Structure formats: structure tokens, C-alpha cells
């Protein structure tokens, strides 16, 4: 949910696994929404999740998807006329099967970076922004022979740097990768969970 057309009204974006696409429902402000406006994510892409952010700092929101079928991240950049351009892709590696995607400021700049949970290759992929809407080649971090299913970003140790948290299927734990310097991360710390974890959400409080 985000304001994609700068009219101050919340819009809804869905990722459509079966039809290889995303759909945007523009808000009318009265609880009703437009018919879906759909953009394709590529043949056999199997998009699993999405994030919204201004990845090229042009004041127009963009949409990034984790495409499990084609092993990549796809970004649709927002245009001034409230449409989106053709998808630009960034490889996550053969057989990576990225399931989950998140965005945040991972290094010492003002440009959003992207992380993915690569279920197939059992690692986390980090894409640091090049400041112009492009990204560095993926930097990967191993997740102890587990298959990461979902990923989140947050400052878990209160050092003013964004850390990564993943849920791992098949090994009954979560992994925490603490931020090091300038967009790099330490080895994964694992914490036992009572079952095979799936989705993750951050709620940082003093419990």
C-alpha cells in the first residue's frame, strides 16, 4: 500500500504469481479502488513478492519484484505520467529462486538498496545502489545450509545501521546478519524457532 500517483490517496499493489505480473489498484479516497492496471514481469518469471521505493531518487515511486522463475530482481521505474516503464532486471544467479525482497538504506548514502532471500541457493543477496537507478552486482551471504524464505531489514542492535533478519525453512531457525561497515554484513547468527518459519515482520520494541 503506497501513494503511487502522488494524489495523497493510498493505492494497492499486488504481485501475481500465476499471471507473471503485478497489478495496481488506484485509490479513490472513499474506500473504493480503480480496476487493476497490470504490468508484466516477464515470461515464466513467477514473481513471489514486491517492495516499493524511489530507487533512482526522482521523486516517483518504483516497484521491485523478486522473480523466482527467472532468477532475478525486476524493477519497474515510475514515470511522471503515473505509468511505469519496462522492467529492468538484475540477476540473482542460476537456481537462486528468490522468494522475498526488501529495501532499505544499507550503506552511508541516501539511495535505497535491495536485499533478497535466495531460497534455491541458500543465501542472501545484497544489491547496493549505484545512485542512478542501477545496482552493483549481487553480493551474497550464506545462510548455514538453510533455505531462506522471507527477509526483513531493521536496526536490531541499535547501532544506527540496518541489519538483516531471515526466516529459514527446513532447519527451524531464524538468521540475523548484523551490519558491519558500508553495506557489508557479518556471518549469520541463528536462533532456534519452534517450527519451519515462513514470513517475517519487524516490530522493534523493548519487550
C-alpha atoms as a PDB file:
ATOM      1  CA  UNK A   1       0.000   0.000   0.000  1.00  0.00           C
ATOM      2  CA  UNK A   2       1.502   3.326  -1.080  1.00  0.00           C
ATOM      3  CA  UNK A   3       0.644   6.537  -2.929  1.00  0.00           C
ATOM      4  CA  UNK A   4       1.914   5.714  -6.413  1.00  0.00           C
ATOM      5  CA  UNK A   5       0.408   8.646  -8.320  1.00  0.00           C
ATOM      6  CA  UNK A   6       1.070  11.483  -5.853  1.00  0.00           C
ATOM      7  CA  UNK A   7      -2.586  12.284  -5.199  1.00  0.00           C
ATOM      8  CA  UNK A   8      -2.227  11.722  -1.406  1.00  0.00           C
ATOM      9  CA  UNK A   9      -4.535   8.672  -1.614  1.00  0.00           C
ATOM     10  CA  UNK A  10      -3.291   5.168  -0.796  1.00  0.00           C
ATOM     11  CA  UNK A  11      -3.040   2.699  -3.670  1.00  0.00           C
ATOM     12  CA  UNK A  12      -2.668  -1.082  -3.573  1.00  0.00           C
ATOM     13  CA  UNK A  13      -0.125  -3.178  -5.485  1.00  0.00           C
ATOM     14  CA  UNK A  14      -0.341  -6.960  -5.773  1.00  0.00           C
ATOM     15  CA  UNK A  15       2.154  -9.490  -7.074  1.00  0.00           C
ATOM     16  CA  UNK A  16       0.518 -12.071  -9.345  1.00  0.00           C
ATOM     17  CA  UNK A  17       2.451 -15.333  -9.314  1.00  0.00           C
ATOM     18  CA  UNK A  18       0.165 -17.168 -11.726  1.00  0.00           C
ATOM     19  CA  UNK A  19      -0.053 -14.496 -14.426  1.00  0.00           C
ATOM     20  CA  UNK A  20       3.576 -13.269 -14.224  1.00  0.00           C
ATOM     21  CA  UNK A  21       2.564  -9.715 -13.420  1.00  0.00           C
ATOM     22  CA  UNK A  22       1.819  -7.040 -10.859  1.00  0.00           C
ATOM     23  CA  UNK A  23      -1.440  -5.131 -10.563  1.00  0.00           C
ATOM     24  CA  UNK A  24      -2.066  -1.613  -9.260  1.00  0.00           C
ATOM     25  CA  UNK A  25      -5.393  -0.551  -7.782  1.00  0.00           C
ATOM     26  CA  UNK A  26      -5.532   3.249  -7.537  1.00  0.00           C
ATOM     27  CA  UNK A  27      -7.402   4.624  -4.534  1.00  0.00           C
ATOM     28  CA  UNK A  28     -10.426   6.882  -4.941  1.00  0.00           C
ATOM     29  CA  UNK A  29     -10.330   8.118  -1.366  1.00  0.00           C
ATOM     30  CA  UNK A  30     -13.716   6.704  -0.396  1.00  0.00           C
ATOM     31  CA  UNK A  31     -12.693   3.115   0.242  1.00  0.00           C
ATOM     32  CA  UNK A  32     -13.066   2.177  -3.410  1.00  0.00           C
ATOM     33  CA  UNK A  33     -10.320   1.470  -5.920  1.00  0.00           C
ATOM     34  CA  UNK A  34      -9.866   1.506  -9.674  1.00  0.00           C
ATOM     35  CA  UNK A  35      -9.878  -1.558 -11.866  1.00  0.00           C
ATOM     36  CA  UNK A  36      -6.411  -3.126 -11.872  1.00  0.00           C
ATOM     37  CA  UNK A  37      -3.681  -1.685 -14.064  1.00  0.00           C
ATOM     38  CA  UNK A  38      -1.363  -4.588 -14.833  1.00  0.00           C
ATOM     39  CA  UNK A  39       2.309  -4.750 -15.799  1.00  0.00           C
ATOM     40  CA  UNK A  40       4.040  -7.953 -16.884  1.00  0.00           C
ATOM     41  CA  UNK A  41       7.138  -9.173 -15.042  1.00  0.00           C
ATOM     42  CA  UNK A  42       8.367 -11.436 -17.835  1.00  0.00           C
ATOM     43  CA  UNK A  43       7.602 -14.864 -19.249  1.00  0.00           C
ATOM     44  CA  UNK A  44       7.767 -17.616 -16.601  1.00  0.00           C
ATOM     45  CA  UNK A  45       9.028 -15.066 -14.043  1.00  0.00           C
ATOM     46  CA  UNK A  46       6.877 -16.359 -11.154  1.00  0.00           C
ATOM     47  CA  UNK A  47       7.054 -13.165  -9.056  1.00  0.00           C
ATOM     48  CA  UNK A  48       6.895 -14.013  -5.351  1.00  0.00           C
ATOM     49  CA  UNK A  49       6.984 -10.665  -3.543  1.00  0.00           C
ATOM     50  CA  UNK A  50       7.482  -6.947  -4.113  1.00  0.00           C
ATOM     51  CA  UNK A  51       8.695  -3.747  -2.497  1.00  0.00           C
ATOM     52  CA  UNK A  52       8.008  -0.110  -3.322  1.00  0.00           C
ATOM     53  CA  UNK A  53      10.586   2.676  -3.151  1.00  0.00           C
ATOM     54  CA  UNK A  54      12.149   5.552  -5.060  1.00  0.00           C
ATOM     55  CA  UNK A  55      15.205   3.691  -6.330  1.00  0.00           C
ATOM     56  CA  UNK A  56      16.528   6.456  -8.602  1.00  0.00           C
ATOM     57  CA  UNK A  57      15.638   9.450  -6.396  1.00  0.00           C
ATOM     58  CA  UNK A  58      13.448  11.169  -8.980  1.00  0.00           C
ATOM     59  CA  UNK A  59      10.534  11.612  -6.543  1.00  0.00           C
ATOM     60  CA  UNK A  60       8.459   8.959  -8.319  1.00  0.00           C
ATOM     61  CA  UNK A  61       7.917   5.604  -6.653  1.00  0.00           C
ATOM     62  CA  UNK A  62       9.187   2.439  -8.318  1.00  0.00           C
ATOM     63  CA  UNK A  63       8.235  -1.224  -7.875  1.00  0.00           C
ATOM     64  CA  UNK A  64      10.740  -4.072  -7.439  1.00  0.00           C
ATOM     65  CA  UNK A  65       9.813  -7.762  -7.574  1.00  0.00           C
ATOM     66  CA  UNK A  66      11.561 -10.990  -6.605  1.00  0.00           C
ATOM     67  CA  UNK A  67      11.144 -13.195  -9.686  1.00  0.00           C
ATOM     68  CA  UNK A  68      11.668 -16.807  -8.665  1.00  0.00           C
ATOM     69  CA  UNK A  69      11.104 -18.329 -12.091  1.00  0.00           C
ATOM     70  CA  UNK A  70      13.692 -16.223 -13.925  1.00  0.00           C
ATOM     71  CA  UNK A  71      16.157 -15.832 -11.024  1.00  0.00           C
ATOM     72  CA  UNK A  72      16.254 -12.059 -10.897  1.00  0.00           C
ATOM     73  CA  UNK A  73      15.055  -8.848  -9.344  1.00  0.00           C
ATOM     74  CA  UNK A  74      12.903  -6.782 -11.672  1.00  0.00           C
ATOM     75  CA  UNK A  75      12.331  -3.043 -11.246  1.00  0.00           C
ATOM     76  CA  UNK A  76       9.588  -1.021 -12.910  1.00  0.00           C
ATOM     77  CA  UNK A  77      10.556   2.638 -12.642  1.00  0.00           C
ATOM     78  CA  UNK A  78       7.799   5.182 -12.168  1.00  0.00           C
ATOM     79  CA  UNK A  79       7.226   7.835 -14.831  1.00  0.00           C
ATOM     80  CA  UNK A  80       5.973  11.412 -14.487  1.00  0.00           C
ATOM     81  CA  UNK A  81       2.623  10.483 -16.056  1.00  0.00           C
ATOM     82  CA  UNK A  82       1.828   7.883 -13.366  1.00  0.00           C
ATOM     83  CA  UNK A  83       2.780   4.938 -15.569  1.00  0.00           C
ATOM     84  CA  UNK A  84       5.698   2.544 -15.196  1.00  0.00           C
ATOM     85  CA  UNK A  85       8.465   1.707 -17.632  1.00  0.00           C
ATOM     86  CA  UNK A  86       9.543  -1.682 -18.904  1.00  0.00           C
ATOM     87  CA  UNK A  87      11.070  -3.958 -16.310  1.00  0.00           C
ATOM     88  CA  UNK A  88      14.834  -3.682 -15.724  1.00  0.00           C
ATOM     89  CA  UNK A  89      16.304  -6.903 -14.351  1.00  0.00           C
ATOM     90  CA  UNK A  90      19.224  -7.705 -12.050  1.00  0.00           C
ATOM     91  CA  UNK A  91      20.367 -11.319 -11.825  1.00  0.00           C
ATOM     92  CA  UNK A  92      20.283 -13.237  -8.547  1.00  0.00           C
ATOM     93  CA  UNK A  93      22.149 -16.226 -10.003  1.00  0.00           C
ATOM     94  CA  UNK A  94      21.240 -19.529 -11.629  1.00  0.00           C
ATOM     95  CA  UNK A  95      18.901 -21.596  -9.489  1.00  0.00           C
ATOM     96  CA  UNK A  96      18.620 -18.886  -6.829  1.00  0.00           C
ATOM     97  CA  UNK A  97      14.811 -18.835  -6.791  1.00  0.00           C
ATOM     98  CA  UNK A  98      14.432 -15.532  -4.896  1.00  0.00           C
ATOM     99  CA  UNK A  99      11.381 -15.737  -2.646  1.00  0.00           C
ATOM    100  CA  UNK A 100      11.395 -12.468  -0.723  1.00  0.00           C
ATOM    101  CA  UNK A 101      12.625  -8.915  -1.263  1.00  0.00           C
ATOM    102  CA  UNK A 102      13.155  -5.901   0.999  1.00  0.00           C
ATOM    103  CA  UNK A 103      14.621  -2.422   0.675  1.00  0.00           C
ATOM    104  CA  UNK A 104      16.397  -0.002   2.969  1.00  0.00           C
ATOM    105  CA  UNK A 105      19.444   2.228   3.399  1.00  0.00           C
ATOM    106  CA  UNK A 106      22.279  -0.249   3.938  1.00  0.00           C
ATOM    107  CA  UNK A 107      25.333   1.956   3.426  1.00  0.00           C
ATOM    108  CA  UNK A 108      26.296   5.553   4.024  1.00  0.00           C
ATOM    109  CA  UNK A 109      24.320   7.239   1.266  1.00  0.00           C
ATOM    110  CA  UNK A 110      20.782   8.432   0.584  1.00  0.00           C
ATOM    111  CA  UNK A 111      19.922   5.802  -2.031  1.00  0.00           C
ATOM    112  CA  UNK A 112      17.796   2.739  -1.371  1.00  0.00           C
ATOM    113  CA  UNK A 113      19.444  -0.668  -1.585  1.00  0.00           C
ATOM    114  CA  UNK A 114      17.773  -4.040  -2.164  1.00  0.00           C
ATOM    115  CA  UNK A 115      18.108  -7.440  -0.482  1.00  0.00           C
ATOM    116  CA  UNK A 116      16.598 -10.789  -1.479  1.00  0.00           C
ATOM    117  CA  UNK A 117      16.200 -14.183   0.163  1.00  0.00           C
ATOM    118  CA  UNK A 118      17.505 -16.704  -2.374  1.00  0.00           C
ATOM    119  CA  UNK A 119      15.650 -19.879  -1.481  1.00  0.00           C
ATOM    120  CA  UNK A 120      17.324 -22.076  -4.094  1.00  0.00           C
ATOM    121  CA  UNK A 121      20.980 -21.187  -3.478  1.00  0.00           C
ATOM    122  CA  UNK A 122      20.560 -20.829   0.301  1.00  0.00           C
ATOM    123  CA  UNK A 123      21.918 -17.323   0.616  1.00  0.00           C
ATOM    124  CA  UNK A 124      21.028 -13.667   0.957  1.00  0.00           C
ATOM    125  CA  UNK A 125      21.687 -11.355  -1.974  1.00  0.00           C
ATOM    126  CA  UNK A 126      22.535  -7.681  -1.451  1.00  0.00           C
ATOM    127  CA  UNK A 127      22.293  -5.103  -4.241  1.00  0.00           C
ATOM    128  CA  UNK A 128      23.813  -1.736  -3.335  1.00  0.00           C
ATOM    129  CA  UNK A 129      22.592   1.281  -5.267  1.00  0.00           C
ATOM    130  CA  UNK A 130      24.850   2.979  -7.811  1.00  0.00           C
ATOM    131  CA  UNK A 131      22.810   6.194  -7.232  1.00  0.00           C
ATOM    132  CA  UNK A 132      21.333   6.305 -10.762  1.00  0.00           C
ATOM    133  CA  UNK A 133      18.743   3.541 -10.584  1.00  0.00           C
ATOM    134  CA  UNK A 134      21.262   0.797 -11.276  1.00  0.00           C
ATOM    135  CA  UNK A 135      22.823  -1.516  -8.714  1.00  0.00           C
ATOM    136  CA  UNK A 136      26.071  -3.315  -8.027  1.00  0.00           C
ATOM    137  CA  UNK A 137      26.351  -6.984  -8.866  1.00  0.00           C
ATOM    138  CA  UNK A 138      24.805  -9.128  -6.174  1.00  0.00           C
ATOM    139  CA  UNK A 139      26.879  -9.748  -3.036  1.00  0.00           C
ATOM    140  CA  UNK A 140      25.847 -12.987  -1.315  1.00  0.00           C
ATOM    141  CA  UNK A 141      25.911 -14.172   2.293  1.00  0.00           C
ATOM    142  CA  UNK A 142      25.470 -17.843   3.186  1.00  0.00           C
ATOM    143  CA  UNK A 143      22.652 -18.958   5.488  1.00  0.00           C
ATOM    144  CA  UNK A 144      24.093 -22.148   7.060  1.00  0.00           C
ATOM    145  CA  UNK A 145      22.680 -24.682   4.602  1.00  0.00           C
ATOM    146  CA  UNK A 146      19.129 -23.429   5.132  1.00  0.00           C
ATOM    147  CA  UNK A 147      16.640 -22.152   2.585  1.00  0.00           C
ATOM    148  CA  UNK A 148      15.777 -18.515   3.412  1.00  0.00           C
ATOM    149  CA  UNK A 149      12.103 -17.882   2.828  1.00  0.00           C
ATOM    150  CA  UNK A 150      11.483 -14.317   3.968  1.00  0.00           C
ATOM    151  CA  UNK A 151      13.707 -11.321   4.720  1.00  0.00           C
ATOM    152  CA  UNK A 152      13.365  -8.098   6.679  1.00  0.00           C
ATOM    153  CA  UNK A 153      15.535  -5.058   7.410  1.00  0.00           C
ATOM    154  CA  UNK A 154      15.867  -3.269  10.747  1.00  0.00           C
ATOM    155  CA  UNK A 155      18.359  -1.994  13.303  1.00  0.00           C
ATOM    156  CA  UNK A 156      18.237  -4.887  15.773  1.00  0.00           C
ATOM    157  CA  UNK A 157      21.272  -3.898  17.885  1.00  0.00           C
ATOM    158  CA  UNK A 158      20.663  -0.127  17.945  1.00  0.00           C
ATOM    159  CA  UNK A 159      23.955   0.896  16.337  1.00  0.00           C
ATOM    160  CA  UNK A 160      22.219   3.030  13.679  1.00  0.00           C
ATOM    161  CA  UNK A 161      23.000   0.510  10.944  1.00  0.00           C
ATOM    162  CA  UNK A 162      20.429  -1.653   9.208  1.00  0.00           C
ATOM    163  CA  UNK A 163      20.678  -5.392   9.918  1.00  0.00           C
ATOM    164  CA  UNK A 164      19.060  -8.318   8.095  1.00  0.00           C
ATOM    165  CA  UNK A 165      16.751 -10.967   9.541  1.00  0.00           C
ATOM    166  CA  UNK A 166      15.646 -14.064   7.616  1.00  0.00           C
ATOM    167  CA  UNK A 167      13.313 -16.948   8.303  1.00  0.00           C
ATOM    168  CA  UNK A 168      14.771 -20.303   7.276  1.00  0.00           C
ATOM    169  CA  UNK A 169      12.770 -23.269   6.078  1.00  0.00           C
ATOM    170  CA  UNK A 170      13.912 -26.810   6.716  1.00  0.00           C
ATOM    171  CA  UNK A 171      16.132 -26.031   9.685  1.00  0.00           C
ATOM    172  CA  UNK A 172      13.705 -24.437  12.179  1.00  0.00           C
ATOM    173  CA  UNK A 173      15.537 -21.213  12.911  1.00  0.00           C
ATOM    174  CA  UNK A 174      15.856 -17.567  12.011  1.00  0.00           C
ATOM    175  CA  UNK A 175      19.091 -15.923  10.906  1.00  0.00           C
ATOM    176  CA  UNK A 176      20.359 -12.486  11.893  1.00  0.00           C
ATOM    177  CA  UNK A 177      23.092 -10.774   9.870  1.00  0.00           C
ATOM    178  CA  UNK A 178      24.444  -7.768  11.732  1.00  0.00           C
ATOM    179  CA  UNK A 179      25.638  -4.832   9.664  1.00  0.00           C
ATOM    180  CA  UNK A 180      29.359  -4.206   9.502  1.00  0.00           C
ATOM    181  CA  UNK A 181      30.848  -1.309   7.540  1.00  0.00           C
ATOM    182  CA  UNK A 182      29.400   0.434   4.494  1.00  0.00           C
ATOM    183  CA  UNK A 183      26.806  -2.081   3.386  1.00  0.00           C
ATOM    184  CA  UNK A 184      28.555  -5.302   4.385  1.00  0.00           C
ATOM    185  CA  UNK A 185      27.345  -7.861   6.910  1.00  0.00           C
ATOM    186  CA  UNK A 186      28.745 -10.310   9.425  1.00  0.00           C
ATOM    187  CA  UNK A 187      28.134 -14.062   9.280  1.00  0.00           C
ATOM    188  CA  UNK A 188      24.636 -15.201  10.121  1.00  0.00           C
ATOM    189  CA  UNK A 189      23.707 -15.734  13.769  1.00  0.00           C
ATOM    190  CA  UNK A 190      20.996 -18.350  14.215  1.00  0.00           C
ATOM    191  CA  UNK A 191      18.176 -18.559  16.733  1.00  0.00           C
ATOM    192  CA  UNK A 192      16.004 -21.641  17.149  1.00  0.00           C
ATOM    193  CA  UNK A 193      12.339 -21.391  16.262  1.00  0.00           C
ATOM    194  CA  UNK A 194       9.649 -23.879  17.210  1.00  0.00           C
ATOM    195  CA  UNK A 195       8.927 -24.859  13.623  1.00  0.00           C
ATOM    196  CA  UNK A 196       9.725 -24.208   9.986  1.00  0.00           C
ATOM    197  CA  UNK A 197       9.390 -20.423   9.723  1.00  0.00           C
ATOM    198  CA  UNK A 198       7.874 -18.567   6.803  1.00  0.00           C
ATOM    199  CA  UNK A 199       7.020 -14.858   6.739  1.00  0.00           C
ATOM    200  CA  UNK A 200       8.630 -12.147   8.846  1.00  0.00           C
ATOM    201  CA  UNK A 201       7.618  -8.704  10.021  1.00  0.00           C
ATOM    202  CA  UNK A 202       9.539  -6.219  12.144  1.00  0.00           C
ATOM    203  CA  UNK A 203       8.124  -4.763  15.332  1.00  0.00           C
ATOM    204  CA  UNK A 204      11.026  -3.376  17.337  1.00  0.00           C
ATOM    205  CA  UNK A 205      10.077  -2.708  20.941  1.00  0.00           C
ATOM    206  CA  UNK A 206      11.637  -3.212  24.347  1.00  0.00           C
ATOM    207  CA  UNK A 207       9.786  -6.421  25.257  1.00  0.00           C
END
